Amino acid sequence: VVPEKLPKALSSIVSRLPPQNFYLLRALCSHLSLVNRKSEINKMNISNLGVVFCPSLGIGSILFKTLVEHIDVVFEI
Protein backbone atom coordinates (compact mmCIF):
# COMPACT_ATOMS: atom_id res chain seq x y z
CA VAL A 1 0.00 0.00 0.00
CA VAL A 2 1.34 3.39 -1.03
CA PRO A 3 1.25 5.97 1.79
CA GLU A 4 -1.06 8.88 0.92
CA LYS A 5 1.59 11.62 1.05
CA LEU A 6 4.34 9.69 -0.77
CA PRO A 7 3.44 10.61 -4.39
CA LYS A 8 3.51 14.37 -3.67
CA ALA A 9 6.71 14.09 -1.60
CA LEU A 10 8.32 12.08 -4.37
CA SER A 11 7.27 14.74 -6.87
CA SER A 12 9.38 17.37 -5.13
CA ILE A 13 12.39 15.04 -5.14
CA VAL A 14 12.00 13.96 -8.77
CA SER A 15 11.60 17.56 -9.91
CA ARG A 16 15.17 18.27 -8.71
CA LEU A 17 16.71 15.68 -11.03
CA PRO A 18 18.78 16.91 -13.97
CA PRO A 19 16.50 17.31 -17.02
CA GLN A 20 17.92 14.28 -18.86
CA ASN A 21 17.37 12.02 -15.85
CA PHE A 22 13.91 13.46 -15.18
CA TYR A 23 12.68 12.89 -18.75
CA LEU A 24 14.19 9.42 -18.96
CA LEU A 25 12.58 8.36 -15.67
CA ARG A 26 9.26 9.89 -16.75
CA ALA A 27 9.38 8.06 -20.10
CA LEU A 28 10.18 4.73 -18.41
CA CYS A 29 7.42 5.15 -15.82
CA SER A 30 4.95 6.24 -18.48
CA HIS A 31 5.69 3.13 -20.54
CA LEU A 32 5.45 0.85 -17.51
CA SER A 33 2.17 2.50 -16.52
CA LEU A 34 0.77 1.72 -19.96
CA VAL A 35 1.98 -1.90 -19.70
CA ASN A 36 0.34 -2.14 -16.27
CA ARG A 37 -2.97 -0.77 -17.62
CA LYS A 38 -2.98 -3.52 -20.29
CA SER A 39 -2.20 -6.27 -17.75
CA GLU A 40 -5.34 -8.26 -18.59
CA ILE A 41 -3.86 -8.85 -22.04
CA ASN A 42 -0.12 -9.05 -21.33
CA LYS A 43 -0.21 -10.53 -17.77
CA MET A 44 2.28 -7.90 -16.57
CA ASN A 45 0.58 -6.27 -13.61
CA ILE A 46 2.39 -3.98 -11.20
CA SER A 47 3.57 -6.91 -9.12
CA ASN A 48 5.11 -8.73 -12.09
CA LEU A 49 6.68 -5.52 -13.38
CA GLY A 50 8.15 -4.94 -9.93
CA VAL A 51 9.76 -8.40 -9.89
CA VAL A 52 11.57 -7.52 -13.11
CA PHE A 53 12.38 -3.83 -12.58
CA CYS A 54 12.91 -3.31 -8.83
CA PRO A 55 16.24 -5.20 -8.71
CA SER A 56 17.41 -3.61 -11.97
CA LEU A 57 16.59 -0.10 -10.78
CA GLY A 58 17.75 -0.78 -7.21
CA ILE A 59 14.52 0.50 -5.66
CA GLY A 60 11.92 -0.98 -3.35
CA SER A 61 8.49 -2.14 -4.37
CA ILE A 62 6.61 0.75 -2.70
CA LEU A 63 8.73 3.33 -4.51
CA PHE A 64 8.31 1.47 -7.81
CA LYS A 65 4.55 1.19 -7.35
CA THR A 66 4.33 4.90 -6.54
CA LEU A 67 6.33 5.91 -9.63
CA VAL A 68 4.22 3.75 -11.96
CA GLU A 69 0.72 3.99 -10.50
CA HIS A 70 0.85 7.65 -9.45
CA ILE A 71 2.69 8.98 -12.50
CA ASP A 72 0.33 11.94 -12.86
CA VAL A 73 1.12 13.20 -9.35
CA VAL A 74 4.82 12.32 -9.27
CA PHE A 75 5.61 13.89 -12.63
CA GLU A 76 2.81 16.49 -12.50
CA ILE A 77 1.41 15.40 -15.85
C-alpha atoms as a PDB file:
ATOM      1  CA  VAL A   1       0.000   0.000   0.000  1.00  0.00           C
ATOM      2  CA  VAL A   2       1.339   3.386  -1.030  1.00  0.00           C
ATOM      3  CA  PRO A   3       1.250   5.974   1.786  1.00  0.00           C
ATOM      4  CA  GLU A   4      -1.063   8.876   0.924  1.00  0.00           C
ATOM      5  CA  LYS A   5       1.595  11.617   1.053  1.00  0.00           C
ATOM      6  CA  LEU A   6       4.341   9.693  -0.771  1.00  0.00           C
ATOM      7  CA  PRO A   7       3.444  10.615  -4.393  1.00  0.00           C
ATOM      8  CA  LYS A   8       3.507  14.365  -3.665  1.00  0.00           C
ATOM      9  CA  ALA A   9       6.713  14.094  -1.595  1.00  0.00           C
ATOM     10  CA  LEU A  10       8.316  12.080  -4.372  1.00  0.00           C
ATOM     11  CA  SER A  11       7.274  14.740  -6.874  1.00  0.00           C
ATOM     12  CA  SER A  12       9.384  17.373  -5.134  1.00  0.00           C
ATOM     13  CA  ILE A  13      12.389  15.037  -5.135  1.00  0.00           C
ATOM     14  CA  VAL A  14      12.002  13.955  -8.769  1.00  0.00           C
ATOM     15  CA  SER A  15      11.605  17.565  -9.913  1.00  0.00           C
ATOM     16  CA  ARG A  16      15.167  18.272  -8.707  1.00  0.00           C
ATOM     17  CA  LEU A  17      16.708  15.676 -11.030  1.00  0.00           C
ATOM     18  CA  PRO A  18      18.777  16.911 -13.967  1.00  0.00           C
ATOM     19  CA  PRO A  19      16.500  17.312 -17.022  1.00  0.00           C
ATOM     20  CA  GLN A  20      17.920  14.277 -18.859  1.00  0.00           C
ATOM     21  CA  ASN A  21      17.368  12.020 -15.850  1.00  0.00           C
ATOM     22  CA  PHE A  22      13.913  13.455 -15.182  1.00  0.00           C
ATOM     23  CA  TYR A  23      12.681  12.889 -18.750  1.00  0.00           C
ATOM     24  CA  LEU A  24      14.194   9.416 -18.960  1.00  0.00           C
ATOM     25  CA  LEU A  25      12.575   8.356 -15.666  1.00  0.00           C
ATOM     26  CA  ARG A  26       9.260   9.887 -16.749  1.00  0.00           C
ATOM     27  CA  ALA A  27       9.378   8.060 -20.099  1.00  0.00           C
ATOM     28  CA  LEU A  28      10.183   4.734 -18.412  1.00  0.00           C
ATOM     29  CA  CYS A  29       7.425   5.147 -15.819  1.00  0.00           C
ATOM     30  CA  SER A  30       4.951   6.240 -18.483  1.00  0.00           C
ATOM     31  CA  HIS A  31       5.686   3.134 -20.536  1.00  0.00           C
ATOM     32  CA  LEU A  32       5.445   0.850 -17.507  1.00  0.00           C
ATOM     33  CA  SER A  33       2.166   2.505 -16.525  1.00  0.00           C
ATOM     34  CA  LEU A  34       0.775   1.716 -19.964  1.00  0.00           C
ATOM     35  CA  VAL A  35       1.983  -1.896 -19.704  1.00  0.00           C
ATOM     36  CA  ASN A  36       0.336  -2.141 -16.267  1.00  0.00           C
ATOM     37  CA  ARG A  37      -2.966  -0.774 -17.624  1.00  0.00           C
ATOM     38  CA  LYS A  38      -2.978  -3.516 -20.290  1.00  0.00           C
ATOM     39  CA  SER A  39      -2.203  -6.274 -17.746  1.00  0.00           C
ATOM     40  CA  GLU A  40      -5.341  -8.260 -18.588  1.00  0.00           C
ATOM     41  CA  ILE A  41      -3.861  -8.853 -22.035  1.00  0.00           C
ATOM     42  CA  ASN A  42      -0.118  -9.049 -21.331  1.00  0.00           C
ATOM     43  CA  LYS A  43      -0.212 -10.532 -17.773  1.00  0.00           C
ATOM     44  CA  MET A  44       2.283  -7.905 -16.573  1.00  0.00           C
ATOM     45  CA  ASN A  45       0.576  -6.275 -13.613  1.00  0.00           C
ATOM     46  CA  ILE A  46       2.386  -3.978 -11.203  1.00  0.00           C
ATOM     47  CA  SER A  47       3.574  -6.910  -9.117  1.00  0.00           C
ATOM     48  CA  ASN A  48       5.112  -8.733 -12.091  1.00  0.00           C
ATOM     49  CA  LEU A  49       6.675  -5.517 -13.377  1.00  0.00           C
ATOM     50  CA  GLY A  50       8.151  -4.941  -9.926  1.00  0.00           C
ATOM     51  CA  VAL A  51       9.756  -8.397  -9.886  1.00  0.00           C
ATOM     52  CA  VAL A  52      11.570  -7.518 -13.106  1.00  0.00           C
ATOM     53  CA  PHE A  53      12.381  -3.834 -12.584  1.00  0.00           C
ATOM     54  CA  CYS A  54      12.914  -3.308  -8.827  1.00  0.00           C
ATOM     55  CA  PRO A  55      16.236  -5.202  -8.708  1.00  0.00           C
ATOM     56  CA  SER A  56      17.407  -3.613 -11.965  1.00  0.00           C
ATOM     57  CA  LEU A  57      16.590  -0.104 -10.775  1.00  0.00           C
ATOM     58  CA  GLY A  58      17.750  -0.776  -7.215  1.00  0.00           C
ATOM     59  CA  ILE A  59      14.519   0.501  -5.659  1.00  0.00           C
ATOM     60  CA  GLY A  60      11.919  -0.977  -3.350  1.00  0.00           C
ATOM     61  CA  SER A  61       8.486  -2.144  -4.375  1.00  0.00           C
ATOM     62  CA  ILE A  62       6.612   0.747  -2.701  1.00  0.00           C
ATOM     63  CA  LEU A  63       8.730   3.330  -4.514  1.00  0.00           C
ATOM     64  CA  PHE A  64       8.312   1.466  -7.809  1.00  0.00           C
ATOM     65  CA  LYS A  65       4.549   1.195  -7.354  1.00  0.00           C
ATOM     66  CA  THR A  66       4.333   4.895  -6.545  1.00  0.00           C
ATOM     67  CA  LEU A  67       6.327   5.906  -9.633  1.00  0.00           C
ATOM     68  CA  VAL A  68       4.221   3.746 -11.958  1.00  0.00           C
ATOM     69  CA  GLU A  69       0.715   3.986 -10.496  1.00  0.00           C
ATOM     70  CA  HIS A  70       0.848   7.653  -9.454  1.00  0.00           C
ATOM     71  CA  ILE A  71       2.695   8.981 -12.498  1.00  0.00           C
ATOM     72  CA  ASP A  72       0.326  11.941 -12.858  1.00  0.00           C
ATOM     73  CA  VAL A  73       1.124  13.199  -9.347  1.00  0.00           C
ATOM     74  CA  VAL A  74       4.822  12.318  -9.266  1.00  0.00           C
ATOM     75  CA  PHE A  75       5.612  13.893 -12.634  1.00  0.00           C
ATOM     76  CA  GLU A  76       2.809  16.491 -12.500  1.00  0.00           C
ATOM     77  CA  ILE A  77       1.415  15.395 -15.854  1.00  0.00           C
END
